[in-house]
Protein backbone atom coordinates (compact mmCIF):
# COMPACT_ATOMS: atom_id res chain seq x y z
CA MET A 1 29.93 75.05 -92.03
CA ARG A 2 30.33 76.37 -95.56
CA GLN A 3 32.30 73.99 -97.74
CA HIS A 4 34.88 76.52 -98.91
CA ALA A 5 37.24 78.01 -96.32
CA ILE A 6 40.00 80.61 -96.35
CA VAL A 7 42.38 80.61 -93.39
CA THR A 8 44.44 83.77 -92.98
CA GLY A 9 47.49 83.58 -90.76
CA ALA A 10 47.84 79.98 -91.94
CA ASN A 11 51.51 79.76 -90.97
CA GLY A 12 50.77 80.55 -87.33
CA LEU A 13 50.32 78.12 -84.47
CA ILE A 14 46.52 77.94 -84.66
CA GLY A 15 46.19 78.68 -88.36
CA ARG A 16 48.33 75.74 -89.44
CA ARG A 17 46.42 73.29 -87.26
CA LEU A 18 43.07 74.75 -88.34
CA VAL A 19 43.97 74.23 -92.00
CA GLU A 20 44.73 70.57 -91.25
CA ALA A 21 41.46 70.14 -89.35
CA LEU A 22 39.37 71.67 -92.13
CA ILE A 23 41.02 69.48 -94.76
CA ASP A 24 40.35 66.43 -92.58
CA ARG A 25 36.67 67.43 -92.49
CA GLY A 26 36.52 67.53 -96.28
CA VAL A 27 36.32 71.32 -96.51
CA SER A 28 37.90 72.85 -99.62
CA THR A 29 40.52 75.09 -98.02
CA VAL A 30 42.92 77.82 -99.14
CA ALA A 31 45.73 78.83 -96.80
CA VAL A 32 46.79 82.50 -96.78
CA ASP A 33 49.73 84.17 -95.08
CA CYS A 34 52.07 87.11 -95.65
CA THR A 35 55.09 84.76 -95.54
CA GLU A 36 55.85 81.68 -97.62
CA GLY A 37 54.39 78.43 -96.42
CA ALA A 38 53.62 74.83 -97.36
CA HIS A 39 50.28 73.22 -96.60
CA GLY A 40 48.29 70.27 -97.88
CA CYS A 41 46.06 72.63 -99.87
CA PRO A 42 46.36 75.66 -102.17
CA PHE A 43 48.41 78.47 -100.62
CA ARG A 44 48.49 82.19 -101.41
CA GLN A 45 51.04 84.67 -100.10
CA LEU A 46 49.11 87.93 -99.65
CA ASN A 47 49.37 91.26 -97.86
CA LEU A 48 45.90 91.64 -96.38
CA THR A 49 46.30 95.38 -95.76
CA ILE A 50 46.07 95.88 -99.55
CA PRO A 51 42.44 96.60 -100.56
CA GLY A 52 40.83 93.71 -102.40
CA ALA A 53 43.66 91.26 -101.72
CA LEU A 54 41.22 88.47 -100.84
CA ASP A 55 38.48 89.22 -103.37
CA GLU A 56 39.46 86.70 -106.04
CA LEU A 57 39.51 83.87 -103.48
CA LEU A 58 36.01 84.48 -102.10
CA THR A 59 32.46 83.65 -103.13
CA ASN A 60 29.17 83.71 -101.28
CA GLU A 61 29.92 80.09 -100.34
CA SER A 62 33.17 80.98 -98.55
CA MET A 63 33.96 81.29 -94.87
CA VAL A 64 37.05 83.29 -93.90
CA PHE A 65 38.80 82.31 -90.69
CA HIS A 66 40.70 85.53 -90.07
CA LEU A 67 43.63 84.71 -87.80
CA ALA A 68 46.31 86.84 -89.46
CA ALA A 69 47.63 89.32 -86.90
CA LYS A 70 50.55 90.59 -84.92
CA THR A 71 50.20 88.71 -81.64
CA SER A 72 52.81 90.18 -79.31
CA VAL A 73 51.57 92.43 -76.50
CA SER A 74 55.07 93.72 -75.80
CA GLY A 75 55.62 94.22 -79.53
CA SER A 76 52.46 96.30 -79.72
CA VAL A 77 53.72 98.49 -76.88
CA ALA A 78 56.96 99.04 -78.79
CA SER A 79 55.26 99.70 -82.16
CA PRO A 80 51.57 100.56 -81.72
CA ARG A 81 51.19 101.97 -85.24
CA ASP A 82 52.47 98.76 -86.85
CA ASP A 83 50.12 96.76 -84.64
CA PHE A 84 47.17 98.94 -85.70
CA GLU A 85 47.95 98.74 -89.42
CA VAL A 86 48.02 94.94 -89.44
CA ASN A 87 45.43 94.12 -86.79
CA VAL A 88 42.82 96.80 -87.47
CA ALA A 89 43.36 98.00 -91.04
CA GLY A 90 43.99 94.42 -92.18
CA THR A 91 40.77 93.25 -90.55
CA ILE A 92 38.77 96.03 -92.20
CA GLU A 93 40.07 94.92 -95.61
CA VAL A 94 39.02 91.33 -94.87
CA LEU A 95 35.56 92.55 -93.87
CA GLU A 96 35.35 94.67 -97.03
CA SER A 97 36.22 91.67 -99.20
CA ALA A 98 33.58 89.61 -97.42
CA ARG A 99 30.99 92.38 -97.87
CA ARG A 100 31.68 92.56 -101.61
CA THR A 101 31.53 88.81 -102.16
CA GLY A 102 28.99 87.61 -99.59
CA ALA A 103 31.51 85.49 -97.69
CA ALA A 104 31.18 84.82 -93.96
CA VAL A 105 33.91 85.66 -91.43
CA VAL A 106 35.09 84.10 -88.16
CA PHE A 107 37.38 86.66 -86.53
CA ALA A 108 40.08 85.66 -84.02
CA SER A 109 40.05 88.17 -81.17
CA SER A 110 41.68 88.05 -77.75
CA SER A 111 41.01 88.06 -74.04
CA ALA A 112 43.28 91.12 -73.99
CA THR A 113 40.13 93.14 -74.76
CA TYR A 114 38.71 92.57 -71.25
CA ASP A 115 38.92 95.03 -68.36
CA PRO A 116 41.43 93.50 -65.91
CA ARG A 117 39.49 95.13 -63.05
CA SER A 118 36.23 93.34 -63.86
CA PRO A 119 35.09 90.30 -61.82
CA LEU A 120 36.31 86.87 -62.85
CA PRO A 121 35.67 84.71 -64.72
CA HIS A 122 35.16 86.89 -67.80
CA ASN A 123 32.03 86.17 -69.79
CA GLU A 124 31.20 87.69 -73.16
CA LYS A 125 29.32 90.57 -71.51
CA SER A 126 32.16 91.46 -69.12
CA PRO A 127 33.42 95.05 -69.50
CA LYS A 128 36.06 95.69 -72.15
CA ARG A 129 38.99 97.96 -71.31
CA PRO A 130 42.26 96.88 -72.93
CA ILE A 131 45.53 98.03 -71.36
CA SER A 132 47.81 97.33 -74.34
CA PRO A 133 47.83 98.51 -77.98
CA TYR A 134 47.34 94.87 -78.96
CA GLY A 135 44.17 94.61 -76.88
CA ALA A 136 42.96 97.98 -78.17
CA ALA A 137 43.45 96.85 -81.77
CA LYS A 138 41.55 93.63 -81.16
CA LEU A 139 38.69 95.51 -79.51
CA ALA A 140 38.56 97.99 -82.40
CA SER A 141 38.42 95.08 -84.83
CA GLU A 142 35.59 93.51 -82.84
CA GLY A 143 33.79 96.82 -83.15
CA TYR A 144 34.16 96.78 -86.92
CA CYS A 145 32.91 93.18 -87.01
CA SER A 146 29.79 94.31 -85.16
CA VAL A 147 29.34 97.31 -87.48
CA TYR A 148 29.63 95.19 -90.62
CA HIS A 149 27.08 92.74 -89.22
CA HIS A 150 24.56 95.45 -88.35
CA CYS A 151 25.12 97.81 -91.31
CA TYR A 152 25.70 95.27 -94.08
CA SER A 153 24.11 92.07 -92.67
CA LEU A 154 27.51 90.38 -92.89
CA ASP A 155 27.71 86.94 -91.31
CA VAL A 156 30.59 87.57 -88.91
CA ARG A 157 31.33 85.77 -85.64
CA VAL A 158 34.02 86.51 -83.07
CA VAL A 159 36.21 83.96 -81.31
CA ARG A 160 37.82 85.48 -78.21
CA LEU A 161 40.91 83.38 -77.50
CA PHE A 162 42.64 83.02 -74.16
CA ASN A 163 46.11 81.42 -73.77
CA VAL A 164 46.54 78.83 -76.51
CA TYR A 165 49.53 76.48 -76.38
CA GLY A 166 50.72 73.29 -78.01
CA PRO A 167 53.20 71.74 -80.44
CA GLY A 168 54.46 74.36 -82.87
CA MET A 169 54.52 77.26 -80.41
CA LYS A 170 57.60 79.47 -80.68
CA ARG A 171 56.87 82.12 -78.05
CA PHE A 172 55.06 82.83 -74.78
CA ALA A 173 55.36 81.43 -71.26
CA ILE A 174 55.42 77.67 -71.84
CA HIS A 175 57.98 78.00 -74.63
CA ASP A 176 60.12 80.32 -72.51
CA PHE A 177 59.88 78.10 -69.42
CA PHE A 178 61.02 75.10 -71.46
CA HIS A 179 64.23 76.80 -72.52
CA LYS A 180 64.89 78.30 -69.07
CA ILE A 181 64.44 74.91 -67.40
CA ASN A 182 66.68 73.22 -69.95
CA GLN A 183 69.45 75.73 -69.26
CA ALA A 184 68.98 76.00 -65.49
CA GLU A 185 71.48 74.65 -62.99
CA ASP A 186 69.77 75.23 -59.64
CA THR A 187 67.12 77.91 -60.22
CA PHE A 188 65.08 79.60 -62.90
CA GLU A 189 63.23 82.89 -62.88
CA VAL A 190 59.60 83.67 -63.59
CA LEU A 191 58.50 87.17 -64.55
CA GLY A 192 56.21 88.91 -62.08
CA ASP A 193 55.28 87.55 -58.68
CA GLY A 194 54.09 84.17 -59.96
CA LYS A 195 50.55 84.89 -58.84
CA GLN A 196 49.42 85.94 -62.31
CA VAL A 197 46.49 83.80 -63.43
CA ARG A 198 45.93 82.57 -66.97
CA ASP A 199 43.52 80.28 -68.80
CA PHE A 200 45.51 77.78 -70.88
CA LEU A 201 43.84 75.98 -73.78
CA TYR A 202 45.47 73.22 -75.79
CA LEU A 203 45.89 73.83 -79.51
CA ASP A 204 43.52 71.10 -80.72
CA ASP A 205 40.81 72.35 -78.36
CA ALA A 206 41.26 75.88 -79.71
CA VAL A 207 40.81 74.60 -83.26
CA ASN A 208 37.68 72.74 -82.19
CA GLY A 209 36.41 76.05 -80.81
CA PHE A 210 36.75 77.67 -84.23
CA VAL A 211 34.96 74.75 -85.84
CA ALA A 212 32.13 74.89 -83.29
CA VAL A 213 31.61 78.61 -83.88
CA SER A 214 31.68 78.17 -87.66
CA GLU A 215 29.15 75.32 -87.54
CA HIS A 216 26.83 76.29 -84.70
CA GLY A 217 27.62 79.88 -83.72
CA GLN A 218 25.24 82.73 -84.50
CA PRO A 219 26.11 85.63 -86.82
CA GLY A 220 26.90 88.79 -84.88
CA GLU A 221 27.82 86.88 -81.70
CA ASP A 222 31.11 86.53 -79.81
CA TYR A 223 32.39 83.45 -77.97
CA ASN A 224 35.10 82.88 -75.40
CA VAL A 225 37.34 80.01 -76.49
CA ALA A 226 39.22 78.83 -73.42
CA SER A 227 39.47 75.99 -70.91
CA GLY A 228 37.58 77.86 -68.19
CA GLU A 229 40.26 76.71 -65.71
CA PRO A 230 42.46 79.28 -63.90
CA THR A 231 46.16 78.45 -63.54
CA ARG A 232 48.68 80.48 -61.57
CA ILE A 233 51.93 81.07 -63.42
CA ILE A 234 53.95 79.75 -60.48
CA ASP A 235 51.94 76.51 -60.63
CA LEU A 236 52.52 76.30 -64.37
CA ALA A 237 56.25 76.67 -63.74
CA LYS A 238 56.20 73.85 -61.17
CA GLN A 239 54.23 71.61 -63.51
CA MET A 240 56.71 72.31 -66.31
CA CYS A 241 59.58 71.32 -63.99
CA ASP A 242 57.78 68.08 -63.13
CA THR A 243 57.00 67.34 -66.78
CA MET A 244 60.64 67.87 -67.76
CA GLY A 245 62.03 65.84 -64.86
CA ARG A 246 63.53 68.89 -63.13
CA SER A 247 61.47 68.97 -59.95
CA GLU A 248 64.57 69.85 -57.93
CA LEU A 249 64.81 73.33 -59.46
CA ILE A 250 64.14 76.33 -57.24
CA ILE A 251 61.73 78.78 -58.87
CA LYS A 252 62.38 82.46 -58.24
CA THR A 253 60.09 85.34 -59.17
CA THR A 254 61.47 88.63 -60.48
CA GLY A 255 58.62 90.84 -59.28
CA LYS A 256 58.82 92.57 -62.67
CA SER A 257 56.42 92.39 -65.57
CA PHE A 258 56.18 94.08 -68.95
CA PRO A 259 53.85 96.96 -69.89
CA GLY A 260 50.42 95.70 -70.93
CA ASP A 261 50.68 92.49 -68.90
CA VAL A 262 47.44 91.58 -67.10
CA PRO A 263 47.53 90.26 -63.50
CA GLU A 264 44.84 87.63 -63.95
CA TRP A 265 42.19 86.41 -66.31
CA TYR A 266 40.23 83.29 -67.05
CA ALA A 267 37.03 82.62 -68.92
CA ASP A 268 33.44 81.66 -68.40
CA ILE A 269 32.90 79.29 -71.34
CA SER A 270 29.23 78.48 -70.79
CA LYS A 271 28.17 80.31 -73.97
CA ILE A 272 30.35 78.26 -76.31
CA GLN A 273 29.56 75.10 -74.36
CA SER A 274 25.92 75.72 -75.26
CA ILE A 275 26.81 75.17 -78.94
CA GLY A 276 28.68 71.93 -78.31
CA PHE A 277 32.25 72.97 -77.45
CA CYS A 278 34.01 71.02 -74.72
CA PRO A 279 37.75 71.25 -73.93
CA ARG A 280 39.16 67.72 -73.90
CA ILE A 281 42.90 68.00 -73.23
CA PRO A 282 43.87 68.66 -69.58
CA LEU A 283 46.88 70.86 -68.87
CA GLU A 284 49.04 67.94 -67.71
CA SER A 285 48.57 66.04 -70.98
CA GLY A 286 48.87 69.16 -73.10
CA LEU A 287 52.13 70.16 -71.44
CA GLN A 288 53.57 66.68 -71.99
CA ASN A 289 52.66 66.81 -75.69
CA THR A 290 54.17 70.27 -76.00
CA VAL A 291 57.38 69.35 -74.17
CA ASN A 292 57.74 66.26 -76.36
CA TRP A 293 57.56 68.48 -79.44
CA LEU A 294 59.88 71.13 -78.01
CA ASN A 295 62.43 68.40 -77.29
CA THR A 296 62.59 67.72 -81.02
CA THR A 297 63.54 71.35 -81.71
CA VAL A 298 66.52 71.58 -79.33
């Protein structure tokens, strides 16, 4: 790994923990976000859609972990242009800054790029066919990463994240289940039919995936960062009830989902395992850690 790192999206769930991990490894780190933040390292509040915003922070010894993005699928459906401007145009500006300065880039993409009709588990060569503006923006950004590698010899690597969870999360299924279970009397509802399948990866494991790709990944390559374990949403709901001591609750499914939601996905992680990545936190332990943290926020 290069010994100077820039983390964009440093106030986010993964970004904040990645900053901590890099500092712990002795890497000189600068945290970047569009909102104010406090970290144990220099911090810059920047709008990455502005050309050249990152230039003064980068040298040919830098590695940019580009995590800054809008991350809501439903939000992208409501405002696709806003999603594009941040997730695609912002990524192009990061790539441009890296091209001018000789920095390397690790780009945070998403499993939302995969074709939901393709066979499971998804490996890096599985067909791509996003069904949400968010997934389309991530796939477009992956395309630009590939172009900058081939046209400009830029050292750029892609991390394709699945469902990351852990202390600090403020949205998504586990967070929502926690609050529903806390407020439930006899029952709580789960969106969809409960048969949706996801691949949940604990926060610290996700951060280790970024580190593995930065240290041992190959320029121009993409890597699934996931647990490789499929979990049905209904089973997640039951496990959350057990973890929170509410096993008596009756779980009902609504049969409804939101536009852009994918019925099932989970990852083949053999490629990133080949460079030393190994998920270490099982779902049961990760949920307990997350619930313990969420209890402090109520």
